[in-house]
């Protein structure tokens, strides 16, 4: 049966592949705004940490998917310190770059 146009968008949870691709894109955009070279192996490590944290908090993230400010606050609390240490960058600069890239 055909669904009306407004019902075609699905609000199901994203697949692990979509989550990985989204995290990869967000980190790539953040690195571009940092204007600093980050070794590919460090980017890959950060991506694994990011994907793992997103999967651990998937229900909350999915419920708040339309509130980018809240998602950026979550990223600051849960990930920015760990990734800043991994990449050896200032945490406040990393957080600002992520917010600028993510739109929150």
PDB file of N, CA and C in Angstrom:
ATOM      1  N   UNK A   1       0.836  -1.172   0.000  1.00  0.00           N
ATOM      2  CA  UNK A   1       0.000   0.000   0.000  1.00  0.00           C
ATOM      3  C   UNK A   1       0.885   1.241   0.000  1.00  0.00           C
ATOM      4  N   UNK A   2       0.533   2.223  -0.772  1.00  0.00           N
ATOM      5  CA  UNK A   2       1.308   3.457  -0.862  1.00  0.00           C
ATOM      6  C   UNK A   2       1.125   4.304   0.381  1.00  0.00           C
ATOM      7  N   UNK A   3       2.241   4.867   0.830  1.00  0.00           N
ATOM      8  CA  UNK A   3       2.186   5.757   1.985  1.00  0.00           C
ATOM      9  C   UNK A   3       2.072   7.197   1.491  1.00  0.00           C
ATOM     10  N   UNK A   4       1.445   8.045   2.266  1.00  0.00           N
ATOM     11  CA  UNK A   4       1.413   9.456   1.884  1.00  0.00           C
ATOM     12  C   UNK A   4       2.835  10.042   1.919  1.00  0.00           C
ATOM     13  N   UNK A   5       3.088  11.098   1.168  1.00  0.00           N
ATOM     14  CA  UNK A   5       4.443  11.654   1.063  1.00  0.00           C
ATOM     15  C   UNK A   5       5.091  11.976   2.409  1.00  0.00           C
ATOM     16  N   UNK A   6       4.329  12.491   3.354  1.00  0.00           N
ATOM     17  CA  UNK A   6       4.919  12.848   4.638  1.00  0.00           C
ATOM     18  C   UNK A   6       5.288  11.625   5.474  1.00  0.00           C
ATOM     19  N   UNK A   7       4.747  10.484   5.157  1.00  0.00           N
ATOM     20  CA  UNK A   7       5.033   9.273   5.919  1.00  0.00           C
ATOM     21  C   UNK A   7       6.172   8.461   5.313  1.00  0.00           C
ATOM     22  N   UNK A   8       6.706   8.914   4.183  1.00  0.00           N
ATOM     23  CA  UNK A   8       7.775   8.152   3.536  1.00  0.00           C
ATOM     24  C   UNK A   8       9.089   8.225   4.299  1.00  0.00           C
ATOM     25  N   UNK A   9       9.315   9.325   4.998  1.00  0.00           N
ATOM     26  CA  UNK A   9      10.560   9.429   5.766  1.00  0.00           C
ATOM     27  C   UNK A   9      10.457   8.505   6.969  1.00  0.00           C
ATOM     28  N   UNK A  10      11.466   7.721   7.136  1.00  0.00           N
ATOM     29  CA  UNK A  10      11.472   6.737   8.206  1.00  0.00           C
ATOM     30  C   UNK A  10      12.230   7.274   9.410  1.00  0.00           C
ATOM     31  N   UNK A  11      11.738   6.991  10.569  1.00  0.00           N
ATOM     32  CA  UNK A  11      12.415   7.393  11.792  1.00  0.00           C
ATOM     33  C   UNK A  11      12.963   6.171  12.517  1.00  0.00           C
ATOM     34  N   UNK A  12      13.360   5.174  11.740  1.00  0.00           N
ATOM     35  CA  UNK A  12      13.988   3.997  12.304  1.00  0.00           C
ATOM     36  C   UNK A  12      15.418   4.337  12.684  1.00  0.00           C
ATOM     37  N   UNK A  13      15.995   3.485  13.508  1.00  0.00           N
ATOM     38  CA  UNK A  13      17.392   3.687  13.885  1.00  0.00           C
ATOM     39  C   UNK A  13      18.286   3.489  12.671  1.00  0.00           C
ATOM     40  N   UNK A  14      19.367   4.270  12.578  1.00  0.00           N
ATOM     41  CA  UNK A  14      20.275   4.108  11.441  1.00  0.00           C
ATOM     42  C   UNK A  14      21.069   2.816  11.563  1.00  0.00           C
ATOM     43  N   UNK A  15      21.495   2.314  10.441  1.00  0.00           N
ATOM     44  CA  UNK A  15      22.301   1.093  10.434  1.00  0.00           C
ATOM     45  C   UNK A  15      23.722   1.428  10.907  1.00  0.00           C
ATOM     46  N   UNK A  16      24.472   0.427  11.361  1.00  0.00           N
ATOM     47  CA  UNK A  16      25.861   0.675  11.768  1.00  0.00           C
ATOM     48  C   UNK A  16      26.698   1.296  10.648  1.00  0.00           C
ATOM     49  N   UNK A  17      26.409   0.925   9.414  1.00  0.00           N
ATOM     50  CA  UNK A  17      27.141   1.502   8.282  1.00  0.00           C
ATOM     51  C   UNK A  17      26.872   3.005   8.165  1.00  0.00           C
ATOM     52  N   UNK A  18      25.607   3.398   8.310  1.00  0.00           N
ATOM     53  CA  UNK A  18      25.262   4.816   8.240  1.00  0.00           C
ATOM     54  C   UNK A  18      25.894   5.594   9.390  1.00  0.00           C
ATOM     55  N   UNK A  19      25.921   4.984  10.555  1.00  0.00           N
ATOM     56  CA  UNK A  19      26.530   5.630  11.719  1.00  0.00           C
ATOM     57  C   UNK A  19      28.020   5.841  11.476  1.00  0.00           C
ATOM     58  N   UNK A  20      28.693   4.813  10.971  1.00  0.00           N
ATOM     59  CA  UNK A  20      30.129   4.911  10.710  1.00  0.00           C
ATOM     60  C   UNK A  20      30.425   5.985   9.678  1.00  0.00           C
ATOM     61  N   UNK A  21      29.633   6.025   8.626  1.00  0.00           N
ATOM     62  CA  UNK A  21      29.846   7.029   7.571  1.00  0.00           C
ATOM     63  C   UNK A  21      29.588   8.431   8.097  1.00  0.00           C
ATOM     64  N   UNK A  22      28.558   8.607   8.910  1.00  0.00           N
ATOM     65  CA  UNK A  22      28.251   9.928   9.470  1.00  0.00           C
ATOM     66  C   UNK A  22      29.367  10.389  10.404  1.00  0.00           C
ATOM     67  N   UNK A  23      29.850   9.497  11.244  1.00  0.00           N
ATOM     68  CA  UNK A  23      30.936   9.841  12.164  1.00  0.00           C
ATOM     69  C   UNK A  23      32.194  10.205  11.384  1.00  0.00           C
ATOM     70  N   UNK A  24      32.476   9.454  10.347  1.00  0.00           N
ATOM     71  CA  UNK A  24      33.643   9.723   9.509  1.00  0.00           C
ATOM     72  C   UNK A  24      33.551  11.108   8.873  1.00  0.00           C
ATOM     73  N   UNK A  25      32.385  11.441   8.330  1.00  0.00           N
ATOM     74  CA  UNK A  25      32.186  12.751   7.704  1.00  0.00           C
ATOM     75  C   UNK A  25      32.337  13.879   8.720  1.00  0.00           C
ATOM     76  N   UNK A  26      31.763  13.697   9.902  1.00  0.00           N
ATOM     77  CA  UNK A  26      31.824  14.732  10.922  1.00  0.00           C
ATOM     78  C   UNK A  26      33.263  14.971  11.374  1.00  0.00           C
ATOM     79  N   UNK A  27      34.030  13.907  11.543  1.00  0.00           N
ATOM     80  CA  UNK A  27      35.428  14.072  11.935  1.00  0.00           C
ATOM     81  C   UNK A  27      36.231  14.717  10.809  1.00  0.00           C
ATOM     82  N   UNK A  28      35.964  14.341   9.569  1.00  0.00           N
ATOM     83  CA  UNK A  28      36.650  14.937   8.424  1.00  0.00           C
ATOM     84  C   UNK A  28      36.404  16.445   8.378  1.00  0.00           C
ATOM     85  N   UNK A  29      35.155  16.847   8.556  1.00  0.00           N
ATOM     86  CA  UNK A  29      34.816  18.270   8.541  1.00  0.00           C
ATOM     87  C   UNK A  29      35.453  19.008   9.724  1.00  0.00           C
ATOM     88  N   UNK A  30      35.533  18.337  10.850  1.00  0.00           N
ATOM     89  CA  UNK A  30      36.172  18.934  12.027  1.00  0.00           C
ATOM     90  C   UNK A  30      37.658  19.156  11.783  1.00  0.00           C
ATOM     91  N   UNK A  31      38.307  18.169  11.195  1.00  0.00           N
ATOM     92  CA  UNK A  31      39.742  18.287  10.903  1.00  0.00           C
ATOM     93  C   UNK A  31      39.986  19.436   9.934  1.00  0.00           C
ATOM     94  N   UNK A  32      39.138  19.587   8.945  1.00  0.00           N
ATOM     95  CA  UNK A  32      39.301  20.691   7.987  1.00  0.00           C
ATOM     96  C   UNK A  32      39.229  22.033   8.703  1.00  0.00           C
ATOM     97  N   UNK A  33      38.372  22.149   9.690  1.00  0.00           N
ATOM     98  CA  UNK A  33      38.239  23.410  10.419  1.00  0.00           C
ATOM     99  C   UNK A  33      39.350  23.609  11.440  1.00  0.00           C
ATOM    100  N   UNK A  34      40.003  22.525  11.847  1.00  0.00           N
ATOM    101  CA  UNK A  34      41.164  22.656  12.732  1.00  0.00           C
ATOM    102  C   UNK A  34      42.362  23.216  11.977  1.00  0.00           C
ATOM    103  N   UNK A  35      42.360  23.023  10.665  1.00  0.00           N
ATOM    104  CA  UNK A  35      43.455  23.475   9.807  1.00  0.00           C
ATOM    105  C   UNK A  35      44.789  22.896  10.285  1.00  0.00           C
ATOM    106  N   UNK A  36      44.754  21.609  10.533  1.00  0.00           N
ATOM    107  CA  UNK A  36      45.935  20.908  11.020  1.00  0.00           C
ATOM    108  C   UNK A  36      45.923  19.493  10.450  1.00  0.00           C
ATOM    109  N   UNK A  37      47.107  18.981  10.126  1.00  0.00           N
ATOM    110  CA  UNK A  37      47.195  17.632   9.596  1.00  0.00           C
ATOM    111  C   UNK A  37      47.120  16.626  10.743  1.00  0.00           C
ATOM    112  N   UNK A  38      46.262  15.649  10.585  1.00  0.00           N
ATOM    113  CA  UNK A  38      46.122  14.565  11.556  1.00  0.00           C
ATOM    114  C   UNK A  38      46.429  13.274  10.815  1.00  0.00           C
ATOM    115  N   UNK A  39      47.314  12.467  11.395  1.00  0.00           N
ATOM    116  CA  UNK A  39      47.714  11.211  10.760  1.00  0.00           C
ATOM    117  C   UNK A  39      46.492  10.310  10.544  1.00  0.00           C
ATOM    118  N   UNK A  40      46.440   9.636   9.394  1.00  0.00           N
ATOM    119  CA  UNK A  40      45.289   8.776   9.087  1.00  0.00           C
ATOM    120  C   UNK A  40      45.010   7.708  10.141  1.00  0.00           C
ATOM    121  N   UNK A  41      46.049   7.145  10.753  1.00  0.00           N
ATOM    122  CA  UNK A  41      45.807   6.127  11.777  1.00  0.00           C
ATOM    123  C   UNK A  41      45.157   6.731  13.026  1.00  0.00           C
ATOM    124  N   UNK A  42      45.482   7.984  13.346  1.00  0.00           N
ATOM    125  CA  UNK A  42      44.843   8.649  14.483  1.00  0.00           C
ATOM    126  C   UNK A  42      43.388   9.000  14.170  1.00  0.00           C
ATOM    127  N   UNK A  43      43.135   9.355  12.928  1.00  0.00           N
ATOM    128  CA  UNK A  43      41.759   9.630  12.505  1.00  0.00           C
ATOM    129  C   UNK A  43      40.932   8.346  12.619  1.00  0.00           C
ATOM    130  N   UNK A  44      41.512   7.243  12.194  1.00  0.00           N
ATOM    131  CA  UNK A  44      40.812   5.958  12.265  1.00  0.00           C
ATOM    132  C   UNK A  44      40.526   5.552  13.712  1.00  0.00           C
ATOM    133  N   UNK A  45      41.489   5.780  14.597  1.00  0.00           N
ATOM    134  CA  UNK A  45      41.276   5.471  16.014  1.00  0.00           C
ATOM    135  C   UNK A  45      40.155   6.330  16.600  1.00  0.00           C
ATOM    136  N   UNK A  46      40.176   7.622  16.267  1.00  0.00           N
ATOM    137  CA  UNK A  46      39.136   8.525  16.752  1.00  0.00           C
ATOM    138  C   UNK A  46      37.774   8.117  16.208  1.00  0.00           C
ATOM    139  N   UNK A  47      37.741   7.697  14.961  1.00  0.00           N
ATOM    140  CA  UNK A  47      36.492   7.253  14.347  1.00  0.00           C
ATOM    141  C   UNK A  47      35.929   6.037  15.085  1.00  0.00           C
ATOM    142  N   UNK A  48      36.795   5.105  15.450  1.00  0.00           N
ATOM    143  CA  UNK A  48      36.340   3.908  16.181  1.00  0.00           C
ATOM    144  C   UNK A  48      35.773   4.288  17.545  1.00  0.00           C
ATOM    145  N   UNK A  49      36.435   5.217  18.226  1.00  0.00           N
ATOM    146  CA  UNK A  49      35.953   5.675  19.533  1.00  0.00           C
ATOM    147  C   UNK A  49      34.594   6.356  19.372  1.00  0.00           C
ATOM    148  N   UNK A  50      34.492   7.215  18.363  1.00  0.00           N
ATOM    149  CA  UNK A  50      33.263   7.960  18.105  1.00  0.00           C
ATOM    150  C   UNK A  50      32.103   7.020  17.793  1.00  0.00           C
ATOM    151  N   UNK A  51      32.322   6.078  16.905  1.00  0.00           N
ATOM    152  CA  UNK A  51      31.270   5.127  16.528  1.00  0.00           C
ATOM    153  C   UNK A  51      30.846   4.300  17.747  1.00  0.00           C
ATOM    154  N   UNK A  52      31.802   3.855  18.532  1.00  0.00           N
ATOM    155  CA  UNK A  52      31.487   3.059  19.723  1.00  0.00           C
ATOM    156  C   UNK A  52      30.605   3.849  20.695  1.00  0.00           C
ATOM    157  N   UNK A  53      30.965   5.113  20.931  1.00  0.00           N
ATOM    158  CA  UNK A  53      30.183   5.950  21.859  1.00  0.00           C
ATOM    159  C   UNK A  53      28.782   6.225  21.305  1.00  0.00           C
ATOM    160  N   UNK A  54      28.689   6.436  20.005  1.00  0.00           N
ATOM    161  CA  UNK A  54      27.373   6.667  19.401  1.00  0.00           C
ATOM    162  C   UNK A  54      26.507   5.421  19.546  1.00  0.00           C
ATOM    163  N   UNK A  55      27.076   4.261  19.290  1.00  0.00           N
ATOM    164  CA  UNK A  55      26.303   3.020  19.424  1.00  0.00           C
ATOM    165  C   UNK A  55      25.872   2.779  20.869  1.00  0.00           C
ATOM    166  N   UNK A  56      26.726   3.156  21.830  1.00  0.00           N
ATOM    167  CA  UNK A  56      26.378   2.993  23.239  1.00  0.00           C
ATOM    168  C   UNK A  56      25.226   3.917  23.649  1.00  0.00           C
ATOM    169  N   UNK A  57      25.123   5.059  23.005  1.00  0.00           N
ATOM    170  CA  UNK A  57      24.106   6.054  23.359  1.00  0.00           C
ATOM    171  C   UNK A  57      23.087   6.255  22.239  1.00  0.00           C
ATOM    172  N   UNK A  58      22.906   5.247  21.427  1.00  0.00           N
ATOM    173  CA  UNK A  58      22.093   5.371  20.216  1.00  0.00           C
ATOM    174  C   UNK A  58      20.654   5.798  20.494  1.00  0.00           C
ATOM    175  N   UNK A  59      20.041   5.269  21.514  1.00  0.00           N
ATOM    176  CA  UNK A  59      18.637   5.605  21.791  1.00  0.00           C
ATOM    177  C   UNK A  59      18.508   7.093  22.099  1.00  0.00           C
ATOM    178  N   UNK A  60      19.372   7.604  22.983  1.00  0.00           N
ATOM    179  CA  UNK A  60      19.324   9.017  23.342  1.00  0.00           C
ATOM    180  C   UNK A  60      19.634   9.896  22.133  1.00  0.00           C
ATOM    181  N   UNK A  61      20.652   9.536  21.376  1.00  0.00           N
ATOM    182  CA  UNK A  61      21.035  10.318  20.194  1.00  0.00           C
ATOM    183  C   UNK A  61      19.897  10.325  19.176  1.00  0.00           C
ATOM    184  N   UNK A  62      19.270   9.185  18.979  1.00  0.00           N
ATOM    185  CA  UNK A  62      18.163   9.102  18.019  1.00  0.00           C
ATOM    186  C   UNK A  62      16.980   9.955  18.473  1.00  0.00           C
ATOM    187  N   UNK A  63      16.695   9.943  19.774  1.00  0.00           N
ATOM    188  CA  UNK A  63      15.587  10.742  20.293  1.00  0.00           C
ATOM    189  C   UNK A  63      15.844  12.242  20.141  1.00  0.00           C
ATOM    190  N   UNK A  64      17.122  12.642  20.178  1.00  0.00           N
ATOM    191  CA  UNK A  64      17.485  14.061  20.104  1.00  0.00           C
ATOM    192  C   UNK A  64      18.129  14.423  18.773  1.00  0.00           C
ATOM    193  N   UNK A  65      17.833  13.658  17.731  1.00  0.00           N
ATOM    194  CA  UNK A  65      18.494  13.840  16.439  1.00  0.00           C
ATOM    195  C   UNK A  65      18.261  15.209  15.815  1.00  0.00           C
ATOM    196  N   UNK A  66      17.199  15.889  16.171  1.00  0.00           N
ATOM    197  CA  UNK A  66      16.920  17.187  15.567  1.00  0.00           C
ATOM    198  C   UNK A  66      17.483  18.355  16.378  1.00  0.00           C
ATOM    199  N   UNK A  67      18.084  18.089  17.524  1.00  0.00           N
ATOM    200  CA  UNK A  67      18.631  19.142  18.375  1.00  0.00           C
ATOM    201  C   UNK A  67      20.160  19.119  18.298  1.00  0.00           C
ATOM    202  N   UNK A  68      20.708  19.812  17.330  1.00  0.00           N
ATOM    203  CA  UNK A  68      22.160  19.778  17.102  1.00  0.00           C
ATOM    204  C   UNK A  68      22.945  20.381  18.259  1.00  0.00           C
ATOM    205  N   UNK A  69      22.398  21.395  18.904  1.00  0.00           N
ATOM    206  CA  UNK A  69      23.098  21.995  20.039  1.00  0.00           C
ATOM    207  C   UNK A  69      23.270  20.971  21.156  1.00  0.00           C
ATOM    208  N   UNK A  70      22.230  20.240  21.440  1.00  0.00           N
ATOM    209  CA  UNK A  70      22.281  19.217  22.480  1.00  0.00           C
ATOM    210  C   UNK A  70      23.252  18.098  22.096  1.00  0.00           C
ATOM    211  N   UNK A  71      23.258  17.720  20.828  1.00  0.00           N
ATOM    212  CA  UNK A  71      24.195  16.688  20.367  1.00  0.00           C
ATOM    213  C   UNK A  71      25.636  17.175  20.454  1.00  0.00           C
ATOM    214  N   UNK A  72      25.867  18.456  20.164  1.00  0.00           N
ATOM    215  CA  UNK A  72      27.220  19.015  20.302  1.00  0.00           C
ATOM    216  C   UNK A  72      27.644  19.049  21.763  1.00  0.00           C
ATOM    217  N   UNK A  73      26.715  19.371  22.657  1.00  0.00           N
ATOM    218  CA  UNK A  73      27.029  19.348  24.088  1.00  0.00           C
ATOM    219  C   UNK A  73      27.410  17.932  24.519  1.00  0.00           C
ATOM    220  N   UNK A  74      26.661  16.937  24.023  1.00  0.00           N
ATOM    221  CA  UNK A  74      26.978  15.540  24.331  1.00  0.00           C
ATOM    222  C   UNK A  74      28.374  15.190  23.809  1.00  0.00           C
ATOM    223  N   UNK A  75      28.684  15.614  22.596  1.00  0.00           N
ATOM    224  CA  UNK A  75      29.995  15.333  22.000  1.00  0.00           C
ATOM    225  C   UNK A  75      31.102  15.950  22.846  1.00  0.00           C
ATOM    226  N   UNK A  76      30.885  17.195  23.302  1.00  0.00           N
ATOM    227  CA  UNK A  76      31.877  17.855  24.153  1.00  0.00           C
ATOM    228  C   UNK A  76      32.128  17.066  25.434  1.00  0.00           C
ATOM    229  N   UNK A  77      31.055  16.595  26.056  1.00  0.00           N
ATOM    230  CA  UNK A  77      31.173  15.876  27.325  1.00  0.00           C
ATOM    231  C   UNK A  77      31.767  14.481  27.151  1.00  0.00           C
ATOM    232  N   UNK A  78      31.345  13.777  26.106  1.00  0.00           N
ATOM    233  CA  UNK A  78      31.692  12.367  25.962  1.00  0.00           C
ATOM    234  C   UNK A  78      32.948  12.094  25.141  1.00  0.00           C
ATOM    235  N   UNK A  79      33.246  12.945  24.168  1.00  0.00           N
ATOM    236  CA  UNK A  79      34.291  12.603  23.203  1.00  0.00           C
ATOM    237  C   UNK A  79      35.428  13.598  23.071  1.00  0.00           C
ATOM    238  N   UNK A  80      35.162  14.867  23.262  1.00  0.00           N
ATOM    239  CA  UNK A  80      36.168  15.877  22.909  1.00  0.00           C
ATOM    240  C   UNK A  80      37.484  15.692  23.662  1.00  0.00           C
ATOM    241  N   UNK A  81      37.427  15.376  24.930  1.00  0.00           N
ATOM    242  CA  UNK A  81      38.658  15.208  25.704  1.00  0.00           C
ATOM    243  C   UNK A  81      39.489  14.030  25.187  1.00  0.00           C
ATOM    244  N   UNK A  82      38.831  12.921  24.943  1.00  0.00           N
ATOM    245  CA  UNK A  82      39.531  11.722  24.480  1.00  0.00           C
ATOM    246  C   UNK A  82      40.149  11.929  23.086  1.00  0.00           C
ATOM    247  N   UNK A  83      39.406  12.555  22.191  1.00  0.00           N
ATOM    248  CA  UNK A  83      39.920  12.789  20.835  1.00  0.00           C
ATOM    249  C   UNK A  83      41.000  13.867  20.852  1.00  0.00           C
ATOM    250  N   UNK A  84      40.834  14.898  21.671  1.00  0.00           N
ATOM    251  CA  UNK A  84      41.856  15.950  21.771  1.00  0.00           C
ATOM    252  C   UNK A  84      43.172  15.374  22.273  1.00  0.00           C
ATOM    253  N   UNK A  85      43.111  14.470  23.236  1.00  0.00           N
ATOM    254  CA  UNK A  85      44.315  13.811  23.741  1.00  0.00           C
ATOM    255  C   UNK A  85      44.937  12.936  22.666  1.00  0.00           C
ATOM    256  N   UNK A  86      44.115  12.201  21.959  1.00  0.00           N
ATOM    257  CA  UNK A  86      44.588  11.320  20.897  1.00  0.00           C
ATOM    258  C   UNK A  86      45.274  12.108  19.779  1.00  0.00           C
ATOM    259  N   UNK A  87      44.672  13.220  19.388  1.00  0.00           N
ATOM    260  CA  UNK A  87      45.198  14.025  18.289  1.00  0.00           C
ATOM    261  C   UNK A  87      46.211  15.074  18.737  1.00  0.00           C
ATOM    262  N   UNK A  88      46.376  15.221  20.048  1.00  0.00           N
ATOM    263  CA  UNK A  88      47.288  16.218  20.629  1.00  0.00           C
ATOM    264  C   UNK A  88      46.939  17.630  20.166  1.00  0.00           C
ATOM    265  N   UNK A  89      45.660  17.978  20.328  1.00  0.00           N
ATOM    266  CA  UNK A  89      45.181  19.323  20.009  1.00  0.00           C
ATOM    267  C   UNK A  89      44.472  19.884  21.237  1.00  0.00           C
ATOM    268  N   UNK A  90      44.280  21.182  21.251  1.00  0.00           N
ATOM    269  CA  UNK A  90      43.577  21.841  22.342  1.00  0.00           C
ATOM    270  C   UNK A  90      42.102  21.440  22.311  1.00  0.00           C
ATOM    271  N   UNK A  91      41.582  21.045  23.462  1.00  0.00           N
ATOM    272  CA  UNK A  91      40.206  20.559  23.527  1.00  0.00           C
ATOM    273  C   UNK A  91      39.194  21.649  23.167  1.00  0.00           C
ATOM    274  N   UNK A  92      39.441  22.888  23.571  1.00  0.00           N
ATOM    275  CA  UNK A  92      38.491  23.957  23.255  1.00  0.00           C
ATOM    276  C   UNK A  92      38.470  24.242  21.757  1.00  0.00           C
ATOM    277  N   UNK A  93      39.635  24.181  21.115  1.00  0.00           N
ATOM    278  CA  UNK A  93      39.681  24.386  19.661  1.00  0.00           C
ATOM    279  C   UNK A  93      38.984  23.237  18.932  1.00  0.00           C
ATOM    280  N   UNK A  94      39.183  22.018  19.425  1.00  0.00           N
ATOM    281  CA  UNK A  94      38.526  20.861  18.823  1.00  0.00           C
ATOM    282  C   UNK A  94      37.014  20.975  18.969  1.00  0.00           C
ATOM    283  N   UNK A  95      36.560  21.349  20.146  1.00  0.00           N
ATOM    284  CA  UNK A  95      35.123  21.497  20.378  1.00  0.00           C
ATOM    285  C   UNK A  95      34.529  22.577  19.477  1.00  0.00           C
ATOM    286  N   UNK A  96      35.239  23.686  19.354  1.00  0.00           N
ATOM    287  CA  UNK A  96      34.747  24.771  18.503  1.00  0.00           C
ATOM    288  C   UNK A  96      34.711  24.339  17.041  1.00  0.00           C
ATOM    289  N   UNK A  97      35.731  23.610  16.596  1.00  0.00           N
ATOM    290  CA  UNK A  97      35.767  23.124  15.218  1.00  0.00           C
ATOM    291  C   UNK A  97      34.628  22.142  14.967  1.00  0.00           C
ATOM    292  N   UNK A  98      34.358  21.269  15.939  1.00  0.00           N
ATOM    293  CA  UNK A  98      33.270  20.310  15.773  1.00  0.00           C
ATOM    294  C   UNK A  98      31.939  21.034  15.693  1.00  0.00           C
ATOM    295  N   UNK A  99      31.712  21.998  16.590  1.00  0.00           N
ATOM    296  CA  UNK A  99      30.449  22.746  16.580  1.00  0.00           C
ATOM    297  C   UNK A  99      30.255  23.460  15.243  1.00  0.00           C
ATOM    298  N   UNK A 100      31.326  24.027  14.742  1.00  0.00           N
ATOM    299  CA  UNK A 100      31.239  24.745  13.467  1.00  0.00           C
ATOM    300  C   UNK A 100      30.924  23.772  12.341  1.00  0.00           C
ATOM    301  N   UNK A 101      31.554  22.602  12.373  1.00  0.00           N
ATOM    302  CA  UNK A 101      31.355  21.596  11.320  1.00  0.00           C
ATOM    303  C   UNK A 101      29.981  20.934  11.417  1.00  0.00           C
ATOM    304  N   UNK A 102      29.520  20.683  12.632  1.00  0.00           N
ATOM    305  CA  UNK A 102      28.285  19.948  12.851  1.00  0.00           C
ATOM    306  C   UNK A 102      27.056  20.849  12.785  1.00  0.00           C
ATOM    307  N   UNK A 103      27.253  22.105  13.099  1.00  0.00           N
ATOM    308  CA  UNK A 103      26.141  23.047  13.017  1.00  0.00           C
ATOM    309  C   UNK A 103      25.400  23.249  14.318  1.00  0.00           C
ATOM    310  N   UNK A 104      26.084  23.059  15.441  1.00  0.00           N
ATOM    311  CA  UNK A 104      25.416  23.226  16.722  1.00  0.00           C
ATOM    312  C   UNK A 104      25.999  24.343  17.484  1.00  0.00           C
TER     313      UNK A 104
END
